[in-house]
């Protein structure tokens, strides 16, 4: 009887679809002059692709360890799953948070929520920028939704730690502050990159995410 119970879960693991690199909804050069084409191409086709590939490898090893009941290996694979899984999750959100038709300010419910929770759009922008500038080393600045409190919240995550998996906040807007996201254009001056990125923020996407997580 016990072996019969294992068939379904293991069958699901065996048939699991591998993760794939999502296509960008715009050309690599579409965000210029704010983020140049070379950065976008390397960021998407090299960095994000590496997270996807490494995640698939880690999940395959985890599947084998699970089938063998090898808990030690399962535990040892957690950092790789977190790093590469987070990298895949974060970048998949990031690409949709950007748009060649972006910039300006959000409208409707999202704007009202920003004013309610931060005082004004200007204060929100200033706070998220400061949090993102202040990330030590590599990481992300986030606008998230706290479902329990029904409020917007700003947070920073180190490395590729995924926002929801590590803080419980639902991600609405992520700003990648790893050097590979800006170094070729802005060198080590992260504040200049953060000043520029507001010109390509896709507020329609952020608003859509906000509406979805409120349901």
Protein backbone atom coordinates (compact mmCIF):
# COMPACT_ATOMS: atom_id res chain seq x y z
CA UNK A 1 0.00 0.00 0.00
CA UNK A 2 2.79 2.42 0.89
CA UNK A 3 4.54 1.88 -2.46
CA UNK A 4 1.32 2.68 -4.30
CA UNK A 5 1.20 6.07 -2.59
CA UNK A 6 4.63 6.93 -4.01
CA UNK A 7 3.67 6.34 -7.63
CA UNK A 8 1.69 9.54 -8.14
CA UNK A 9 4.19 12.00 -6.60
CA UNK A 10 7.16 10.43 -8.36
CA UNK A 11 5.21 10.29 -11.60
CA UNK A 12 4.59 14.01 -11.31
CA UNK A 13 8.30 14.63 -10.80
CA UNK A 14 9.26 12.52 -13.79
CA UNK A 15 6.83 14.33 -16.08
CA UNK A 16 7.75 17.80 -14.83
CA UNK A 17 8.31 20.29 -17.62
CA UNK A 18 11.72 21.94 -17.58
CA UNK A 19 11.89 25.67 -16.98
CA UNK A 20 12.54 27.77 -20.07
CA UNK A 21 13.84 31.27 -20.69
CA UNK A 22 10.86 33.55 -21.38
CA UNK A 23 10.94 35.77 -24.45
CA UNK A 24 11.21 39.49 -23.86
CA UNK A 25 8.06 41.43 -24.82
CA UNK A 26 10.27 44.00 -26.63
CA UNK A 27 13.58 44.18 -28.51
CA UNK A 28 16.89 44.37 -26.67
CA UNK A 29 17.35 47.97 -27.86
CA UNK A 30 13.80 49.06 -26.98
CA UNK A 31 14.69 50.53 -23.59
CA UNK A 32 17.46 52.79 -24.90
CA UNK A 33 18.81 55.27 -23.96
CA UNK A 34 17.93 54.32 -20.38
CA UNK A 35 19.17 50.71 -20.57
CA UNK A 36 21.26 49.89 -23.61
CA UNK A 37 20.88 46.90 -25.92
CA UNK A 38 24.17 45.26 -24.92
CA UNK A 39 23.13 45.14 -21.27
CA UNK A 40 19.69 43.78 -22.11
CA UNK A 41 21.08 41.07 -24.40
CA UNK A 42 23.67 39.87 -21.89
CA UNK A 43 21.28 40.17 -18.96
CA UNK A 44 18.54 38.16 -20.66
CA UNK A 45 20.36 35.67 -22.91
CA UNK A 46 23.31 34.96 -20.58
CA UNK A 47 22.47 35.74 -16.95
CA UNK A 48 18.78 34.78 -16.88
CA UNK A 49 19.48 31.80 -19.13
CA UNK A 50 22.13 30.57 -16.67
CA UNK A 51 19.63 30.70 -13.79
CA UNK A 52 17.15 28.67 -15.84
CA UNK A 53 19.73 26.05 -16.83
CA UNK A 54 21.15 25.72 -13.32
CA UNK A 55 17.65 25.49 -11.84
CA UNK A 56 16.80 22.60 -14.15
CA UNK A 57 20.02 20.80 -13.17
CA UNK A 58 19.37 21.34 -9.45
CA UNK A 59 15.77 20.13 -9.74
CA UNK A 60 16.90 17.01 -11.61
CA UNK A 61 19.40 16.21 -8.84
CA UNK A 62 16.72 16.93 -6.24
CA UNK A 63 14.31 14.59 -7.98
CA UNK A 64 16.92 11.81 -7.86
CA UNK A 65 17.66 12.46 -4.20
CA UNK A 66 13.94 12.45 -3.41
CA UNK A 67 13.47 9.12 -5.17
CA UNK A 68 16.36 7.64 -3.16
CA UNK A 69 15.19 9.16 0.11
CA UNK A 70 18.55 10.93 0.31
CA UNK A 71 17.70 13.77 2.68
CA UNK A 72 21.31 14.95 3.00
CA UNK A 73 21.53 15.67 -0.72
CA UNK A 74 18.08 17.28 -0.69
CA UNK A 75 19.24 19.68 2.01
CA UNK A 76 22.55 20.39 0.24
CA UNK A 77 20.66 21.39 -2.92
CA UNK A 78 18.53 24.03 -1.17
CA UNK A 79 20.97 26.94 -1.76
CA UNK A 80 21.16 26.18 -5.50
CA UNK A 81 17.37 25.90 -5.73
CA UNK A 82 16.91 29.18 -3.86
CA UNK A 83 19.53 31.09 -5.84
CA UNK A 84 18.67 29.87 -9.33
CA UNK A 85 14.93 29.55 -8.67
CA UNK A 86 14.92 33.06 -7.25
CA UNK A 87 16.93 34.34 -10.21
CA UNK A 88 14.41 32.85 -12.62
CA UNK A 89 11.38 34.16 -10.68
CA UNK A 90 12.86 37.64 -10.19
CA UNK A 91 13.93 38.19 -13.77
CA UNK A 92 10.68 36.85 -15.19
CA UNK A 93 8.91 39.60 -13.22
CA UNK A 94 11.57 42.22 -14.00
CA UNK A 95 11.25 42.00 -17.78
CA UNK A 96 7.49 42.62 -17.61
CA UNK A 97 8.00 45.49 -15.14
CA UNK A 98 9.86 47.36 -17.89
CA UNK A 99 8.50 48.82 -21.11
CA UNK A 100 9.68 51.16 -23.88
CA UNK A 101 6.34 52.94 -23.31
CA UNK A 102 6.88 53.12 -19.55
CA UNK A 103 7.72 55.91 -17.16
CA UNK A 104 5.53 58.61 -15.70
CA UNK A 105 3.23 57.71 -12.83
CA UNK A 106 0.71 54.95 -12.18
CA UNK A 107 -3.02 55.61 -12.25
CA UNK A 108 -6.15 54.38 -10.55
CA UNK A 109 -6.13 52.07 -7.55
CA UNK A 110 -2.36 51.60 -7.49
CA UNK A 111 -1.76 55.34 -7.33
CA UNK A 112 -4.31 55.72 -4.55
CA UNK A 113 -2.64 52.90 -2.60
CA UNK A 114 0.80 54.50 -3.07
CA UNK A 115 -0.50 57.84 -1.76
CA UNK A 116 -2.19 56.07 1.17
CA UNK A 117 0.84 54.00 2.18
CA UNK A 118 3.72 56.37 1.35
CA UNK A 119 2.17 59.86 1.42
CA UNK A 120 2.81 60.65 -2.25
CA UNK A 121 4.28 59.14 -5.41
CA UNK A 122 7.39 61.28 -4.97
CA UNK A 123 7.96 59.91 -1.45
CA UNK A 124 7.41 56.35 -2.65
CA UNK A 125 9.87 56.81 -5.51
CA UNK A 126 12.42 58.35 -3.17
CA UNK A 127 12.08 55.51 -0.66
CA UNK A 128 12.30 52.65 -3.17
CA UNK A 129 15.30 54.34 -4.82
CA UNK A 130 17.04 54.74 -1.45
CA UNK A 131 16.39 51.12 -0.47
CA UNK A 132 17.69 49.92 -3.85
CA UNK A 133 20.80 52.12 -3.70
CA UNK A 134 21.44 50.84 -0.19
CA UNK A 135 21.54 47.13 -1.07
CA UNK A 136 25.00 45.93 -0.10
CA UNK A 137 26.65 43.95 -2.87
CA UNK A 138 24.06 42.34 -5.12
CA UNK A 139 20.30 42.18 -4.73
CA UNK A 140 16.92 43.71 -5.49
CA UNK A 141 14.68 46.55 -4.38
CA UNK A 142 10.98 45.67 -4.32
CA UNK A 143 7.51 47.11 -4.06
CA UNK A 144 5.40 44.31 -2.62
CA UNK A 145 1.89 43.77 -1.34
CA UNK A 146 1.32 42.63 2.23
CA UNK A 147 -1.87 40.59 1.87
CA UNK A 148 -2.45 40.22 5.62
CA UNK A 149 -2.29 43.97 6.22
CA UNK A 150 -3.73 44.97 2.83
CA UNK A 151 -0.91 47.46 2.33
CA UNK A 152 1.97 48.16 -0.01
CA UNK A 153 5.44 47.64 1.39
CA UNK A 154 9.01 48.28 0.25
CA UNK A 155 11.71 45.69 0.87
CA UNK A 156 15.20 44.74 -0.23
CA UNK A 157 16.37 41.20 -0.91
CA UNK A 158 19.97 40.03 -1.08
CA UNK A 159 21.38 38.15 -4.05
CA UNK A 160 18.52 36.39 -5.89
CA UNK A 161 16.34 35.76 -2.83
CA UNK A 162 12.75 35.78 -4.14
CA UNK A 163 10.53 38.35 -2.42
CA UNK A 164 7.49 36.19 -1.69
CA UNK A 165 9.46 33.10 -0.72
CA UNK A 166 11.60 35.00 1.78
CA UNK A 167 9.36 37.82 3.08
CA UNK A 168 5.81 36.73 2.27
CA UNK A 169 5.21 39.92 0.27
CA UNK A 170 3.66 39.51 -3.18
CA UNK A 171 5.99 41.09 -5.77
CA UNK A 172 4.63 44.00 -7.79
CA UNK A 173 7.75 45.86 -8.95
CA UNK A 174 11.34 44.66 -8.76
CA UNK A 175 14.49 46.65 -9.47
CA UNK A 176 17.57 44.57 -10.18
CA UNK A 177 20.66 46.17 -8.62
CA UNK A 178 23.15 43.47 -9.50
CA UNK A 179 26.05 45.14 -11.34
CA UNK A 180 25.33 43.08 -14.46
CA UNK A 181 22.06 45.03 -14.76
CA UNK A 182 23.84 48.36 -15.28
CA UNK A 183 27.66 48.27 -15.15
CA UNK A 184 28.34 48.37 -18.92
CA UNK A 185 26.45 51.66 -19.14
CA UNK A 186 26.60 53.25 -15.70
CA UNK A 187 29.86 51.73 -14.38
CA UNK A 188 29.73 51.62 -10.57
CA UNK A 189 27.34 54.57 -10.23
CA UNK A 190 24.19 52.72 -9.17
CA UNK A 191 22.22 55.93 -8.37
CA UNK A 192 22.46 57.02 -12.04
CA UNK A 193 21.01 53.69 -13.18
CA UNK A 194 18.20 53.96 -10.63
CA UNK A 195 17.41 57.49 -11.78
CA UNK A 196 17.16 56.26 -15.38
CA UNK A 197 15.10 53.13 -14.77
CA UNK A 198 12.05 55.10 -13.66
CA UNK A 199 11.70 56.20 -17.31
CA UNK A 200 10.91 52.64 -18.40
CA UNK A 201 8.80 51.30 -15.50
CA UNK A 202 5.71 49.59 -16.91
CA UNK A 203 3.01 50.91 -14.57
CA UNK A 204 0.30 49.01 -16.44
CA UNK A 205 2.03 45.76 -15.51
CA UNK A 206 2.55 46.81 -11.90
CA UNK A 207 -1.09 47.90 -11.65
CA UNK A 208 -2.26 44.62 -13.14
CA UNK A 209 -0.21 42.69 -10.57
CA UNK A 210 -1.71 44.82 -7.80
CA UNK A 211 -5.26 44.17 -9.01
CA UNK A 212 -4.62 40.42 -9.24
CA UNK A 213 -3.15 40.03 -5.76
CA UNK A 214 -6.04 41.98 -4.18
CA UNK A 215 -8.60 39.46 -5.43
